[in-house]
């Protein structure tokens, strides 16, 4: 089970070249990766403008339903999600799967 935000739709960033989801590794001493999710398309665009200026054309914004999150975590080996609260900082709220 995954602890999720109350939104039903999320927006992710995917690399156009290989389809991988953009993720974060908040602790360099641990290999856990978290897929980045945004509640608004504009936040995903702001994140790209702030942290990947000039590379925006290499990413696609994908809208996913909350029910798809678990499958993405399993398929791509993510430990959980990083809900981006402030795309400029970035400020993340991390959530992991519960056993």
PDB file of N, CA and C in Angstrom:
ATOM      1  N   UNK A   1       0.842  -1.180   0.000  1.00  0.00           N
ATOM      2  CA  UNK A   1       0.000   0.000   0.000  1.00  0.00           C
ATOM      3  C   UNK A   1       0.884   1.238   0.000  1.00  0.00           C
ATOM      4  N   UNK A   2       0.441   2.293  -0.632  1.00  0.00           N
ATOM      5  CA  UNK A   2       1.202   3.526  -0.741  1.00  0.00           C
ATOM      6  C   UNK A   2       0.429   4.649  -0.069  1.00  0.00           C
ATOM      7  N   UNK A   3       1.126   5.422   0.735  1.00  0.00           N
ATOM      8  CA  UNK A   3       0.522   6.615   1.301  1.00  0.00           C
ATOM      9  C   UNK A   3       0.576   7.673   0.218  1.00  0.00           C
ATOM     10  N   UNK A   4      -0.574   8.207  -0.167  1.00  0.00           N
ATOM     11  CA  UNK A   4      -0.596   9.176  -1.255  1.00  0.00           C
ATOM     12  C   UNK A   4      -1.239  10.481  -0.825  1.00  0.00           C
ATOM     13  N   UNK A   5      -0.969  11.495  -1.575  1.00  0.00           N
ATOM     14  CA  UNK A   5      -1.614  12.792  -1.435  1.00  0.00           C
ATOM     15  C   UNK A   5      -3.067  12.583  -1.855  1.00  0.00           C
ATOM     16  N   UNK A   6      -3.930  13.521  -1.575  1.00  0.00           N
ATOM     17  CA  UNK A   6      -5.355  13.365  -1.848  1.00  0.00           C
ATOM     18  C   UNK A   6      -5.737  13.556  -3.305  1.00  0.00           C
ATOM     19  N   UNK A   7      -4.798  13.911  -4.139  1.00  0.00           N
ATOM     20  CA  UNK A   7      -5.084  14.123  -5.546  1.00  0.00           C
ATOM     21  C   UNK A   7      -5.349  12.795  -6.253  1.00  0.00           C
ATOM     22  N   UNK A   8      -6.199  12.824  -7.257  1.00  0.00           N
ATOM     23  CA  UNK A   8      -6.429  11.633  -8.069  1.00  0.00           C
ATOM     24  C   UNK A   8      -5.521  11.611  -9.291  1.00  0.00           C
ATOM     25  N   UNK A   9      -5.081  12.785  -9.716  1.00  0.00           N
ATOM     26  CA  UNK A   9      -4.192  12.873 -10.872  1.00  0.00           C
ATOM     27  C   UNK A   9      -2.870  13.501 -10.464  1.00  0.00           C
ATOM     28  N   UNK A  10      -1.804  12.960 -11.018  1.00  0.00           N
ATOM     29  CA  UNK A  10      -0.467  13.492 -10.790  1.00  0.00           C
ATOM     30  C   UNK A  10       0.197  13.702 -12.138  1.00  0.00           C
ATOM     31  N   UNK A  11       1.249  14.472 -12.130  1.00  0.00           N
ATOM     32  CA  UNK A  11       2.014  14.730 -13.338  1.00  0.00           C
ATOM     33  C   UNK A  11       3.453  14.321 -13.062  1.00  0.00           C
ATOM     34  N   UNK A  12       4.027  13.579 -13.978  1.00  0.00           N
ATOM     35  CA  UNK A  12       5.406  13.121 -13.844  1.00  0.00           C
ATOM     36  C   UNK A  12       6.217  13.656 -15.017  1.00  0.00           C
ATOM     37  N   UNK A  13       7.517  13.563 -14.888  1.00  0.00           N
ATOM     38  CA  UNK A  13       8.414  13.936 -15.980  1.00  0.00           C
ATOM     39  C   UNK A  13       9.104  12.675 -16.468  1.00  0.00           C
ATOM     40  N   UNK A  14       9.038  12.459 -17.776  1.00  0.00           N
ATOM     41  CA  UNK A  14       9.688  11.293 -18.378  1.00  0.00           C
ATOM     42  C   UNK A  14      10.698  11.749 -19.413  1.00  0.00           C
ATOM     43  N   UNK A  15      11.794  11.017 -19.450  1.00  0.00           N
ATOM     44  CA  UNK A  15      12.828  11.287 -20.445  1.00  0.00           C
ATOM     45  C   UNK A  15      12.318  10.762 -21.788  1.00  0.00           C
ATOM     46  N   UNK A  16      12.272  11.612 -22.788  1.00  0.00           N
ATOM     47  CA  UNK A  16      11.760  11.203 -24.097  1.00  0.00           C
ATOM     48  C   UNK A  16      12.609  10.112 -24.739  1.00  0.00           C
ATOM     49  N   UNK A  17      13.903  10.151 -24.534  1.00  0.00           N
ATOM     50  CA  UNK A  17      14.804   9.212 -25.201  1.00  0.00           C
ATOM     51  C   UNK A  17      14.583   7.772 -24.752  1.00  0.00           C
ATOM     52  N   UNK A  18      14.401   7.540 -23.449  1.00  0.00           N
ATOM     53  CA  UNK A  18      14.303   6.157 -22.965  1.00  0.00           C
ATOM     54  C   UNK A  18      13.062   5.869 -22.127  1.00  0.00           C
ATOM     55  N   UNK A  19      12.209   6.862 -21.906  1.00  0.00           N
ATOM     56  CA  UNK A  19      10.967   6.648 -21.178  1.00  0.00           C
ATOM     57  C   UNK A  19      11.091   6.594 -19.668  1.00  0.00           C
ATOM     58  N   UNK A  20      12.288   6.759 -19.141  1.00  0.00           N
ATOM     59  CA  UNK A  20      12.458   6.697 -17.691  1.00  0.00           C
ATOM     60  C   UNK A  20      11.802   7.892 -17.015  1.00  0.00           C
ATOM     61  N   UNK A  21      11.299   7.631 -15.810  1.00  0.00           N
ATOM     62  CA  UNK A  21      10.717   8.699 -15.004  1.00  0.00           C
ATOM     63  C   UNK A  21      11.824   9.447 -14.279  1.00  0.00           C
ATOM     64  N   UNK A  22      11.638  10.758 -14.122  1.00  0.00           N
ATOM     65  CA  UNK A  22      12.597  11.552 -13.372  1.00  0.00           C
ATOM     66  C   UNK A  22      12.420  11.247 -11.890  1.00  0.00           C
ATOM     67  N   UNK A  23      13.516  10.948 -11.237  1.00  0.00           N
ATOM     68  CA  UNK A  23      13.469  10.595  -9.826  1.00  0.00           C
ATOM     69  C   UNK A  23      14.495  11.353  -9.025  1.00  0.00           C
ATOM     70  N   UNK A  24      14.416  11.180  -7.718  1.00  0.00           N
ATOM     71  CA  UNK A  24      15.352  11.826  -6.798  1.00  0.00           C
ATOM     72  C   UNK A  24      15.923  10.786  -5.851  1.00  0.00           C
ATOM     73  N   UNK A  25      17.162  10.998  -5.473  1.00  0.00           N
ATOM     74  CA  UNK A  25      17.820  10.182  -4.452  1.00  0.00           C
ATOM     75  C   UNK A  25      18.167  11.141  -3.314  1.00  0.00           C
ATOM     76  N   UNK A  26      17.249  11.307  -2.348  1.00  0.00           N
ATOM     77  CA  UNK A  26      17.448  12.328  -1.320  1.00  0.00           C
ATOM     78  C   UNK A  26      18.604  12.065  -0.363  1.00  0.00           C
ATOM     79  N   UNK A  27      18.972  10.813  -0.181  1.00  0.00           N
ATOM     80  CA  UNK A  27      20.071  10.475   0.720  1.00  0.00           C
ATOM     81  C   UNK A  27      21.175   9.814  -0.097  1.00  0.00           C
ATOM     82  N   UNK A  28      22.305  10.504  -0.293  1.00  0.00           N
ATOM     83  CA  UNK A  28      23.374   9.938  -1.125  1.00  0.00           C
ATOM     84  C   UNK A  28      23.985   8.657  -0.554  1.00  0.00           C
ATOM     85  N   UNK A  29      23.747   8.386   0.722  1.00  0.00           N
ATOM     86  CA  UNK A  29      24.280   7.172   1.345  1.00  0.00           C
ATOM     87  C   UNK A  29      23.375   5.958   1.146  1.00  0.00           C
ATOM     88  N   UNK A  30      22.186   6.183   0.588  1.00  0.00           N
ATOM     89  CA  UNK A  30      21.246   5.083   0.344  1.00  0.00           C
ATOM     90  C   UNK A  30      20.824   5.099  -1.116  1.00  0.00           C
ATOM     91  N   UNK A  31      20.624   3.946  -1.701  1.00  0.00           N
ATOM     92  CA  UNK A  31      20.279   3.894  -3.125  1.00  0.00           C
ATOM     93  C   UNK A  31      18.794   4.129  -3.422  1.00  0.00           C
ATOM     94  N   UNK A  32      17.984   4.393  -2.405  1.00  0.00           N
ATOM     95  CA  UNK A  32      16.546   4.563  -2.625  1.00  0.00           C
ATOM     96  C   UNK A  32      16.268   5.748  -3.541  1.00  0.00           C
ATOM     97  N   UNK A  33      15.474   5.474  -4.581  1.00  0.00           N
ATOM     98  CA  UNK A  33      15.065   6.522  -5.516  1.00  0.00           C
ATOM     99  C   UNK A  33      13.564   6.719  -5.411  1.00  0.00           C
ATOM    100  N   UNK A  34      13.150   7.964  -5.560  1.00  0.00           N
ATOM    101  CA  UNK A  34      11.748   8.335  -5.473  1.00  0.00           C
ATOM    102  C   UNK A  34      11.344   9.012  -6.773  1.00  0.00           C
ATOM    103  N   UNK A  35      10.251   8.544  -7.375  1.00  0.00           N
ATOM    104  CA  UNK A  35       9.764   9.166  -8.598  1.00  0.00           C
ATOM    105  C   UNK A  35       9.160  10.521  -8.220  1.00  0.00           C
ATOM    106  N   UNK A  36       9.498  11.546  -8.992  1.00  0.00           N
ATOM    107  CA  UNK A  36       8.963  12.878  -8.727  1.00  0.00           C
ATOM    108  C   UNK A  36       7.563  12.994  -9.305  1.00  0.00           C
ATOM    109  N   UNK A  37       6.629  13.494  -8.493  1.00  0.00           N
ATOM    110  CA  UNK A  37       5.262  13.728  -8.955  1.00  0.00           C
ATOM    111  C   UNK A  37       4.857  15.152  -8.587  1.00  0.00           C
ATOM    112  N   UNK A  38       4.010  15.713  -9.420  1.00  0.00           N
ATOM    113  CA  UNK A  38       3.539  17.087  -9.262  1.00  0.00           C
ATOM    114  C   UNK A  38       2.019  17.071  -9.289  1.00  0.00           C
ATOM    115  N   UNK A  39       1.390  17.995  -8.544  1.00  0.00           N
ATOM    116  CA  UNK A  39      -0.071  18.053  -8.557  1.00  0.00           C
ATOM    117  C   UNK A  39      -0.597  18.919  -9.696  1.00  0.00           C
ATOM    118  N   UNK A  40       0.264  19.739 -10.275  1.00  0.00           N
ATOM    119  CA  UNK A  40      -0.133  20.622 -11.373  1.00  0.00           C
ATOM    120  C   UNK A  40       0.881  20.529 -12.512  1.00  0.00           C
ATOM    121  N   UNK A  41       0.401  20.602 -13.728  1.00  0.00           N
ATOM    122  CA  UNK A  41       1.290  20.628 -14.890  1.00  0.00           C
ATOM    123  C   UNK A  41       2.235  21.824 -14.810  1.00  0.00           C
ATOM    124  N   UNK A  42       1.716  22.953 -14.354  1.00  0.00           N
ATOM    125  CA  UNK A  42       2.538  24.162 -14.248  1.00  0.00           C
ATOM    126  C   UNK A  42       3.710  23.958 -13.295  1.00  0.00           C
ATOM    127  N   UNK A  43       3.519  23.172 -12.240  1.00  0.00           N
ATOM    128  CA  UNK A  43       4.618  22.901 -11.308  1.00  0.00           C
ATOM    129  C   UNK A  43       5.710  22.064 -11.972  1.00  0.00           C
ATOM    130  N   UNK A  44       5.308  21.119 -12.801  1.00  0.00           N
ATOM    131  CA  UNK A  44       6.291  20.310 -13.528  1.00  0.00           C
ATOM    132  C   UNK A  44       7.093  21.194 -14.488  1.00  0.00           C
ATOM    133  N   UNK A  45       6.412  22.112 -15.158  1.00  0.00           N
ATOM    134  CA  UNK A  45       7.102  23.042 -16.059  1.00  0.00           C
ATOM    135  C   UNK A  45       8.034  23.972 -15.283  1.00  0.00           C
ATOM    136  N   UNK A  46       7.584  24.442 -14.128  1.00  0.00           N
ATOM    137  CA  UNK A  46       8.430  25.302 -13.289  1.00  0.00           C
ATOM    138  C   UNK A  46       9.675  24.563 -12.831  1.00  0.00           C
ATOM    139  N   UNK A  47       9.507  23.284 -12.500  1.00  0.00           N
ATOM    140  CA  UNK A  47      10.646  22.471 -12.077  1.00  0.00           C
ATOM    141  C   UNK A  47      11.677  22.385 -13.207  1.00  0.00           C
ATOM    142  N   UNK A  48      11.204  22.109 -14.407  1.00  0.00           N
ATOM    143  CA  UNK A  48      12.119  22.034 -15.552  1.00  0.00           C
ATOM    144  C   UNK A  48      12.815  23.372 -15.796  1.00  0.00           C
ATOM    145  N   UNK A  49      12.069  24.456 -15.734  1.00  0.00           N
ATOM    146  CA  UNK A  49      12.661  25.778 -15.957  1.00  0.00           C
ATOM    147  C   UNK A  49      13.720  26.105 -14.912  1.00  0.00           C
ATOM    148  N   UNK A  50      13.492  25.685 -13.665  1.00  0.00           N
ATOM    149  CA  UNK A  50      14.419  26.007 -12.579  1.00  0.00           C
ATOM    150  C   UNK A  50      15.637  25.090 -12.541  1.00  0.00           C
ATOM    151  N   UNK A  51      15.463  23.818 -12.903  1.00  0.00           N
ATOM    152  CA  UNK A  51      16.527  22.837 -12.674  1.00  0.00           C
ATOM    153  C   UNK A  51      17.056  22.159 -13.936  1.00  0.00           C
ATOM    154  N   UNK A  52      16.423  22.416 -15.073  1.00  0.00           N
ATOM    155  CA  UNK A  52      16.887  21.800 -16.319  1.00  0.00           C
ATOM    156  C   UNK A  52      16.752  22.784 -17.478  1.00  0.00           C
ATOM    157  N   UNK A  53      17.084  24.033 -17.196  1.00  0.00           N
ATOM    158  CA  UNK A  53      16.968  25.068 -18.227  1.00  0.00           C
ATOM    159  C   UNK A  53      17.769  24.663 -19.463  1.00  0.00           C
ATOM    160  N   UNK A  54      17.125  24.758 -20.600  1.00  0.00           N
ATOM    161  CA  UNK A  54      17.769  24.384 -21.853  1.00  0.00           C
ATOM    162  C   UNK A  54      17.596  22.923 -22.218  1.00  0.00           C
ATOM    163  N   UNK A  55      17.083  22.130 -21.289  1.00  0.00           N
ATOM    164  CA  UNK A  55      16.886  20.694 -21.543  1.00  0.00           C
ATOM    165  C   UNK A  55      15.404  20.313 -21.566  1.00  0.00           C
ATOM    166  N   UNK A  56      14.529  21.303 -21.498  1.00  0.00           N
ATOM    167  CA  UNK A  56      13.099  21.039 -21.405  1.00  0.00           C
ATOM    168  C   UNK A  56      12.579  20.138 -22.517  1.00  0.00           C
ATOM    169  N   UNK A  57      13.154  20.271 -23.711  1.00  0.00           N
ATOM    170  CA  UNK A  57      12.678  19.485 -24.849  1.00  0.00           C
ATOM    171  C   UNK A  57      13.024  18.005 -24.738  1.00  0.00           C
ATOM    172  N   UNK A  58      13.818  17.624 -23.759  1.00  0.00           N
ATOM    173  CA  UNK A  58      14.179  16.214 -23.557  1.00  0.00           C
ATOM    174  C   UNK A  58      13.206  15.480 -22.640  1.00  0.00           C
ATOM    175  N   UNK A  59      12.248  16.217 -22.091  1.00  0.00           N
ATOM    176  CA  UNK A  59      11.295  15.629 -21.154  1.00  0.00           C
ATOM    177  C   UNK A  59       9.872  15.776 -21.660  1.00  0.00           C
ATOM    178  N   UNK A  60       9.038  14.834 -21.256  1.00  0.00           N
ATOM    179  CA  UNK A  60       7.608  14.898 -21.521  1.00  0.00           C
ATOM    180  C   UNK A  60       6.892  14.883 -20.179  1.00  0.00           C
ATOM    181  N   UNK A  61       5.804  15.637 -20.097  1.00  0.00           N
ATOM    182  CA  UNK A  61       4.981  15.600 -18.897  1.00  0.00           C
ATOM    183  C   UNK A  61       3.898  14.564 -19.128  1.00  0.00           C
ATOM    184  N   UNK A  62       3.796  13.626 -18.207  1.00  0.00           N
ATOM    185  CA  UNK A  62       2.805  12.553 -18.312  1.00  0.00           C
ATOM    186  C   UNK A  62       1.838  12.673 -17.140  1.00  0.00           C
ATOM    187  N   UNK A  63       0.555  12.653 -17.439  1.00  0.00           N
ATOM    188  CA  UNK A  63      -0.466  12.681 -16.400  1.00  0.00           C
ATOM    189  C   UNK A  63      -0.835  11.247 -16.063  1.00  0.00           C
ATOM    190  N   UNK A  64      -0.800  10.935 -14.765  1.00  0.00           N
ATOM    191  CA  UNK A  64      -1.130   9.581 -14.318  1.00  0.00           C
ATOM    192  C   UNK A  64      -2.212   9.647 -13.245  1.00  0.00           C
ATOM    193  N   UNK A  65      -2.984   8.597 -13.158  1.00  0.00           N
ATOM    194  CA  UNK A  65      -4.001   8.461 -12.117  1.00  0.00           C
ATOM    195  C   UNK A  65      -3.337   7.872 -10.881  1.00  0.00           C
ATOM    196  N   UNK A  66      -3.854   8.213  -9.722  1.00  0.00           N
ATOM    197  CA  UNK A  66      -3.288   7.720  -8.460  1.00  0.00           C
ATOM    198  C   UNK A  66      -3.198   6.197  -8.427  1.00  0.00           C
ATOM    199  N   UNK A  67      -4.112   5.519  -9.107  1.00  0.00           N
ATOM    200  CA  UNK A  67      -4.091   4.052  -9.109  1.00  0.00           C
ATOM    201  C   UNK A  67      -2.911   3.484  -9.895  1.00  0.00           C
ATOM    202  N   UNK A  68      -2.255   4.294 -10.708  1.00  0.00           N
ATOM    203  CA  UNK A  68      -1.109   3.841 -11.496  1.00  0.00           C
ATOM    204  C   UNK A  68       0.211   3.932 -10.736  1.00  0.00           C
ATOM    205  N   UNK A  69       0.229   4.657  -9.635  1.00  0.00           N
ATOM    206  CA  UNK A  69       1.477   4.928  -8.923  1.00  0.00           C
ATOM    207  C   UNK A  69       2.158   3.643  -8.465  1.00  0.00           C
ATOM    208  N   UNK A  70       1.421   2.729  -7.862  1.00  0.00           N
ATOM    209  CA  UNK A  70       2.002   1.478  -7.372  1.00  0.00           C
ATOM    210  C   UNK A  70       2.689   0.685  -8.473  1.00  0.00           C
ATOM    211  N   UNK A  71       2.072   0.608  -9.633  1.00  0.00           N
ATOM    212  CA  UNK A  71       2.661  -0.111 -10.760  1.00  0.00           C
ATOM    213  C   UNK A  71       3.947   0.535 -11.251  1.00  0.00           C
ATOM    214  N   UNK A  72       3.973   1.857 -11.261  1.00  0.00           N
ATOM    215  CA  UNK A  72       5.189   2.571 -11.676  1.00  0.00           C
ATOM    216  C   UNK A  72       6.318   2.294 -10.698  1.00  0.00           C
ATOM    217  N   UNK A  73       6.007   2.305  -9.409  1.00  0.00           N
ATOM    218  CA  UNK A  73       7.032   2.033  -8.396  1.00  0.00           C
ATOM    219  C   UNK A  73       7.614   0.639  -8.583  1.00  0.00           C
ATOM    220  N   UNK A  74       6.741  -0.336  -8.789  1.00  0.00           N
ATOM    221  CA  UNK A  74       7.208  -1.721  -8.961  1.00  0.00           C
ATOM    222  C   UNK A  74       8.008  -1.894 -10.245  1.00  0.00           C
ATOM    223  N   UNK A  75       7.458  -1.415 -11.342  1.00  0.00           N
ATOM    224  CA  UNK A  75       8.100  -1.637 -12.642  1.00  0.00           C
ATOM    225  C   UNK A  75       9.469  -0.971 -12.741  1.00  0.00           C
ATOM    226  N   UNK A  76       9.597   0.224 -12.198  1.00  0.00           N
ATOM    227  CA  UNK A  76      10.832   0.988 -12.344  1.00  0.00           C
ATOM    228  C   UNK A  76      11.727   0.922 -11.110  1.00  0.00           C
ATOM    229  N   UNK A  77      11.308   0.211 -10.072  1.00  0.00           N
ATOM    230  CA  UNK A  77      12.160   0.002  -8.896  1.00  0.00           C
ATOM    231  C   UNK A  77      12.300   1.195  -7.966  1.00  0.00           C
ATOM    232  N   UNK A  78      11.296   2.059  -7.942  1.00  0.00           N
ATOM    233  CA  UNK A  78      11.336   3.201  -7.035  1.00  0.00           C
ATOM    234  C   UNK A  78      10.916   2.774  -5.634  1.00  0.00           C
ATOM    235  N   UNK A  79      11.501   3.415  -4.625  1.00  0.00           N
ATOM    236  CA  UNK A  79      11.148   3.139  -3.231  1.00  0.00           C
ATOM    237  C   UNK A  79       9.846   3.834  -2.847  1.00  0.00           C
ATOM    238  N   UNK A  80       9.499   4.885  -3.560  1.00  0.00           N
ATOM    239  CA  UNK A  80       8.292   5.643  -3.247  1.00  0.00           C
ATOM    240  C   UNK A  80       8.180   6.837  -4.171  1.00  0.00           C
ATOM    241  N   UNK A  81       7.358   7.794  -3.746  1.00  0.00           N
ATOM    242  CA  UNK A  81       7.159   9.005  -4.536  1.00  0.00           C
ATOM    243  C   UNK A  81       7.711  10.207  -3.786  1.00  0.00           C
ATOM    244  N   UNK A  82       8.146  11.173  -4.544  1.00  0.00           N
ATOM    245  CA  UNK A  82       8.552  12.464  -4.005  1.00  0.00           C
ATOM    246  C   UNK A  82       7.588  13.505  -4.544  1.00  0.00           C
ATOM    247  N   UNK A  83       6.598  13.864  -3.735  1.00  0.00           N
ATOM    248  CA  UNK A  83       5.620  14.868  -4.137  1.00  0.00           C
ATOM    249  C   UNK A  83       6.294  16.233  -4.047  1.00  0.00           C
ATOM    250  N   UNK A  84       6.408  16.901  -5.169  1.00  0.00           N
ATOM    251  CA  UNK A  84       7.100  18.186  -5.218  1.00  0.00           C
ATOM    252  C   UNK A  84       6.139  19.272  -4.739  1.00  0.00           C
ATOM    253  N   UNK A  85       6.446  19.840  -3.579  1.00  0.00           N
ATOM    254  CA  UNK A  85       5.625  20.901  -2.987  1.00  0.00           C
ATOM    255  C   UNK A  85       5.999  22.274  -3.534  1.00  0.00           C
ATOM    256  N   UNK A  86       7.286  22.509  -3.707  1.00  0.00           N
ATOM    257  CA  UNK A  86       7.766  23.773  -4.265  1.00  0.00           C
ATOM    258  C   UNK A  86       8.792  23.436  -5.339  1.00  0.00           C
ATOM    259  N   UNK A  87       8.447  23.603  -6.609  1.00  0.00           N
ATOM    260  CA  UNK A  87       9.344  23.188  -7.688  1.00  0.00           C
ATOM    261  C   UNK A  87      10.600  24.042  -7.815  1.00  0.00           C
ATOM    262  N   UNK A  88      10.622  25.216  -7.231  1.00  0.00           N
ATOM    263  CA  UNK A  88      11.796  26.079  -7.364  1.00  0.00           C
ATOM    264  C   UNK A  88      12.914  25.687  -6.420  1.00  0.00           C
ATOM    265  N   UNK A  89      12.595  25.118  -5.253  1.00  0.00           N
ATOM    266  CA  UNK A  89      13.610  24.834  -4.231  1.00  0.00           C
ATOM    267  C   UNK A  89      14.427  23.595  -4.561  1.00  0.00           C
ATOM    268  N   UNK A  90      14.047  22.429  -4.865  1.00  0.00           N
ATOM    269  CA  UNK A  90      12.703  21.868  -4.740  1.00  0.00           C
ATOM    270  C   UNK A  90      12.451  21.344  -3.327  1.00  0.00           C
ATOM    271  N   UNK A  91      11.226  21.437  -2.922  1.00  0.00           N
ATOM    272  CA  UNK A  91      10.795  20.900  -1.632  1.00  0.00           C
ATOM    273  C   UNK A  91       9.955  19.663  -1.910  1.00  0.00           C
ATOM    274  N   UNK A  92      10.366  18.525  -1.326  1.00  0.00           N
ATOM    275  CA  UNK A  92       9.688  17.249  -1.573  1.00  0.00           C
ATOM    276  C   UNK A  92       9.034  16.717  -0.312  1.00  0.00           C
ATOM    277  N   UNK A  93       7.905  16.068  -0.499  1.00  0.00           N
ATOM    278  CA  UNK A  93       7.280  15.280   0.562  1.00  0.00           C
ATOM    279  C   UNK A  93       7.414  13.827   0.112  1.00  0.00           C
ATOM    280  N   UNK A  94       8.195  13.049   0.850  1.00  0.00           N
ATOM    281  CA  UNK A  94       8.460  11.667   0.453  1.00  0.00           C
ATOM    282  C   UNK A  94       7.424  10.728   1.040  1.00  0.00           C
ATOM    283  N   UNK A  95       7.005   9.773   0.241  1.00  0.00           N
ATOM    284  CA  UNK A  95       6.073   8.737   0.693  1.00  0.00           C
ATOM    285  C   UNK A  95       6.572   7.402   0.163  1.00  0.00           C
ATOM    286  N   UNK A  96       6.556   6.391   1.016  1.00  0.00           N
ATOM    287  CA  UNK A  96       6.994   5.056   0.615  1.00  0.00           C
ATOM    288  C   UNK A  96       5.846   4.082   0.731  1.00  0.00           C
ATOM    289  N   UNK A  97       6.048   2.935   0.126  1.00  0.00           N
ATOM    290  CA  UNK A  97       5.056   1.863   0.228  1.00  0.00           C
ATOM    291  C   UNK A  97       5.067   1.306   1.636  1.00  0.00           C
ATOM    292  N   UNK A  98       3.893   1.022   2.142  1.00  0.00           N
ATOM    293  CA  UNK A  98       3.778   0.390   3.454  1.00  0.00           C
ATOM    294  C   UNK A  98       3.640  -1.107   3.264  1.00  0.00           C
ATOM    295  N   UNK A  99       4.253  -1.871   4.149  1.00  0.00           N
ATOM    296  CA  UNK A  99       4.161  -3.335   4.051  1.00  0.00           C
ATOM    297  C   UNK A  99       2.875  -3.826   4.651  1.00  0.00           C
TER     298      UNK A  99
END
